[in-house]
Amino acid sequence: MLKIFFIQNLGINESLAITDISAFSKSKGHDVCDLLIEKKE
């Protein structure tokens, strides 16, 4: 089992690809911890 943490720097909205990968990973028994959205100004 993997623990997965996503980091995104595209602004406020979550990417659909990240939500899809997260759901797939959870369905395979992996622990998806969180999504950190970093906004660079």
N, C-alpha and C. Protein backbone atom coordinates (compact mmCIF):
# COMPACT_ATOMS: atom_id res chain seq x y z
N MET A 1 0.85 -1.18 0.00
CA MET A 1 0.00 0.00 0.00
C MET A 1 0.89 1.24 0.00
N LEU A 2 0.54 2.20 -0.83
CA LEU A 2 1.25 3.47 -0.91
C LEU A 2 0.46 4.55 -0.20
N LYS A 3 1.16 5.53 0.34
CA LYS A 3 0.52 6.74 0.83
C LYS A 3 0.82 7.81 -0.21
N ILE A 4 -0.22 8.45 -0.73
CA ILE A 4 -0.08 9.39 -1.84
C ILE A 4 -0.53 10.77 -1.40
N PHE A 5 0.28 11.77 -1.73
CA PHE A 5 -0.02 13.16 -1.43
C PHE A 5 0.16 13.96 -2.72
N PHE A 6 -0.87 14.65 -3.15
CA PHE A 6 -0.81 15.41 -4.40
C PHE A 6 -0.50 16.88 -4.11
N ILE A 7 0.32 17.48 -4.96
CA ILE A 7 0.63 18.90 -4.89
C ILE A 7 0.29 19.50 -6.25
N GLN A 8 -0.45 20.59 -6.24
CA GLN A 8 -0.87 21.25 -7.48
C GLN A 8 -0.58 22.73 -7.36
N ASN A 9 -0.13 23.35 -8.43
CA ASN A 9 0.14 24.79 -8.41
C ASN A 9 -0.62 25.53 -9.50
N LEU A 10 -1.82 25.09 -9.80
CA LEU A 10 -2.59 25.70 -10.89
C LEU A 10 -3.68 26.65 -10.40
N GLY A 11 -3.68 27.02 -9.16
CA GLY A 11 -4.70 27.91 -8.64
C GLY A 11 -5.67 27.20 -7.72
N ILE A 12 -6.90 27.68 -7.68
CA ILE A 12 -7.87 27.22 -6.68
C ILE A 12 -8.50 25.88 -7.05
N ASN A 13 -8.82 25.66 -8.30
CA ASN A 13 -9.58 24.47 -8.71
C ASN A 13 -8.71 23.23 -8.81
N GLU A 14 -9.29 22.10 -8.38
CA GLU A 14 -8.60 20.83 -8.52
C GLU A 14 -8.64 20.40 -9.98
N SER A 15 -7.59 19.76 -10.42
CA SER A 15 -7.54 19.21 -11.76
C SER A 15 -8.37 17.93 -11.79
N LEU A 16 -9.12 17.72 -12.86
CA LEU A 16 -9.89 16.49 -12.99
C LEU A 16 -8.99 15.26 -13.05
N ALA A 17 -7.81 15.41 -13.62
CA ALA A 17 -6.88 14.29 -13.69
C ALA A 17 -6.46 13.85 -12.28
N ILE A 18 -6.22 14.80 -11.40
CA ILE A 18 -5.83 14.46 -10.03
C ILE A 18 -6.97 13.75 -9.30
N THR A 19 -8.21 14.22 -9.48
CA THR A 19 -9.33 13.55 -8.83
C THR A 19 -9.53 12.14 -9.40
N ASP A 20 -9.31 11.96 -10.69
CA ASP A 20 -9.42 10.63 -11.30
C ASP A 20 -8.33 9.68 -10.77
N ILE A 21 -7.10 10.16 -10.71
CA ILE A 21 -5.99 9.34 -10.20
C ILE A 21 -6.22 9.02 -8.73
N SER A 22 -6.72 9.98 -7.98
CA SER A 22 -7.01 9.77 -6.56
C SER A 22 -8.06 8.68 -6.37
N ALA A 23 -9.14 8.76 -7.12
CA ALA A 23 -10.21 7.76 -7.02
C ALA A 23 -9.72 6.38 -7.42
N PHE A 24 -8.94 6.30 -8.50
CA PHE A 24 -8.41 5.02 -8.95
C PHE A 24 -7.47 4.43 -7.90
N SER A 25 -6.60 5.27 -7.33
CA SER A 25 -5.66 4.81 -6.31
C SER A 25 -6.39 4.29 -5.08
N LYS A 26 -7.43 5.01 -4.65
CA LYS A 26 -8.22 4.57 -3.50
C LYS A 26 -8.90 3.23 -3.79
N SER A 27 -9.37 3.05 -5.03
CA SER A 27 -10.05 1.80 -5.37
C SER A 27 -9.10 0.60 -5.37
N LYS A 28 -7.81 0.86 -5.50
CA LYS A 28 -6.80 -0.20 -5.47
C LYS A 28 -6.21 -0.39 -4.08
N GLY A 29 -6.77 0.33 -3.08
CA GLY A 29 -6.36 0.13 -1.70
C GLY A 29 -5.27 1.04 -1.19
N HIS A 30 -4.89 2.05 -1.97
CA HIS A 30 -3.85 2.97 -1.54
C HIS A 30 -4.46 4.09 -0.69
N ASP A 31 -3.65 4.68 0.17
CA ASP A 31 -4.08 5.74 1.06
C ASP A 31 -3.75 7.09 0.42
N VAL A 32 -4.77 7.78 -0.06
CA VAL A 32 -4.58 9.10 -0.65
C VAL A 32 -4.86 10.12 0.45
N CYS A 33 -3.80 10.81 0.86
CA CYS A 33 -3.88 11.67 2.04
C CYS A 33 -4.59 12.99 1.78
N ASP A 34 -4.11 13.75 0.85
CA ASP A 34 -4.61 15.11 0.73
C ASP A 34 -4.17 15.71 -0.60
N LEU A 35 -4.67 16.88 -0.86
CA LEU A 35 -4.27 17.67 -2.02
C LEU A 35 -3.84 19.04 -1.52
N LEU A 36 -2.62 19.41 -1.79
CA LEU A 36 -2.10 20.74 -1.45
C LEU A 36 -2.12 21.58 -2.70
N ILE A 37 -2.82 22.69 -2.66
CA ILE A 37 -2.86 23.60 -3.80
C ILE A 37 -2.02 24.81 -3.45
N GLU A 38 -0.95 24.98 -4.20
CA GLU A 38 -0.02 26.08 -3.97
C GLU A 38 -0.21 27.11 -5.06
N LYS A 39 -0.50 28.33 -4.68
CA LYS A 39 -0.70 29.38 -5.66
C LYS A 39 0.49 30.32 -5.61
N LYS A 40 1.20 30.40 -6.72
CA LYS A 40 2.34 31.32 -6.81
C LYS A 40 1.87 32.63 -7.39
N GLU A 41 2.28 33.70 -6.76
CA GLU A 41 1.86 35.03 -7.25
C GLU A 41 3.05 35.80 -7.71
